[in-house]
Amino acid sequence: MMNFLEQRLAAKKQNLKNQQEYFTIDLKNIEQSNYEDNAINALLCMKKLKTEIAELELVLQLKSISDT
């Protein structure tokens, strides 16, 4: 169970890193008509990932405390 949660956490952190890199690259396309929509969607996705990461970290902390 812990291994699965740790793998999910690592995957979500990598996904967040990829989203942040994409957002940086997307800034170059600021003149496009749909830039604002893309930026808002990217930010919402990053916010969701950060929340999921925080939840997984909390679950892992609670699990490690309960295992001791």
Protein backbone atom coordinates (compact mmCIF):
# COMPACT_ATOMS: atom_id res chain seq x y z
CA MET A 1 0.00 0.00 0.00
CA MET A 2 2.73 2.48 0.94
CA ASN A 3 4.67 1.65 -2.20
CA PHE A 4 1.60 2.31 -4.33
CA LEU A 5 0.97 5.67 -2.63
CA GLU A 6 4.62 6.65 -3.00
CA GLN A 7 4.51 5.79 -6.71
CA ARG A 8 1.33 7.83 -7.17
CA LEU A 9 2.90 10.74 -5.34
CA ALA A 10 6.01 10.60 -7.53
CA ALA A 11 3.87 10.43 -10.68
CA LYS A 12 1.80 13.42 -9.61
CA LYS A 13 4.92 15.43 -8.78
CA GLN A 14 6.34 14.61 -12.22
CA ASN A 15 3.03 15.57 -13.83
CA LEU A 16 3.07 18.89 -11.96
CA LYS A 17 6.64 19.54 -13.11
CA ASN A 18 5.60 18.81 -16.70
CA GLN A 19 2.60 21.14 -16.40
CA GLN A 20 4.81 23.92 -15.02
CA GLU A 21 7.26 23.50 -17.90
CA TYR A 22 4.38 23.55 -20.39
CA PHE A 23 3.03 26.73 -18.79
CA THR A 24 6.42 28.38 -19.16
CA ILE A 25 6.60 27.36 -22.81
CA ASP A 26 3.00 28.46 -23.37
CA LEU A 27 3.90 32.01 -22.28
CA LYS A 28 5.61 32.35 -25.66
CA ASN A 29 2.18 32.02 -27.30
CA ILE A 30 0.68 34.99 -25.44
CA GLU A 31 -0.52 36.58 -28.68
CA GLN A 32 -2.84 33.67 -29.53
CA SER A 33 -6.56 34.32 -29.18
CA ASN A 34 -7.10 31.35 -26.84
CA TYR A 35 -4.08 32.08 -24.62
CA GLU A 36 -6.14 33.17 -21.60
CA ASP A 37 -8.30 30.04 -21.71
CA ASN A 38 -5.22 27.82 -22.02
CA ALA A 39 -3.48 29.65 -19.16
CA ILE A 40 -6.51 29.34 -16.88
CA ASN A 41 -6.87 25.64 -17.65
CA ALA A 42 -3.16 25.04 -17.02
CA LEU A 43 -3.30 26.89 -13.70
CA LEU A 44 -6.39 24.98 -12.59
CA CYS A 45 -4.71 21.71 -13.49
CA MET A 46 -1.62 22.67 -11.50
CA LYS A 47 -3.75 23.69 -8.51
CA LYS A 48 -5.55 20.35 -8.61
CA LEU A 49 -2.24 18.46 -8.79
CA LYS A 50 -0.84 20.44 -5.85
CA THR A 51 -3.93 19.60 -3.80
CA GLU A 52 -3.67 15.90 -4.70
CA ILE A 53 0.04 15.91 -3.84
CA ALA A 54 -0.67 17.49 -0.44
CA GLU A 55 -3.38 14.90 0.24
CA LEU A 56 -1.10 12.00 -0.67
CA GLU A 57 1.71 13.40 1.47
CA LEU A 58 -0.68 13.67 4.40
CA VAL A 59 -1.93 10.10 3.91
CA LEU A 60 1.66 8.84 3.76
CA GLN A 61 2.54 10.74 6.95
CA LEU A 62 -0.49 9.39 8.77
CA LYS A 63 0.24 5.88 7.53
CA SER A 64 3.87 6.05 8.68
CA ILE A 65 2.77 7.32 12.11
CA SER A 66 0.18 4.57 12.49
CA ASP A 67 2.74 1.93 11.49
CA THR A 68 5.11 2.88 14.30
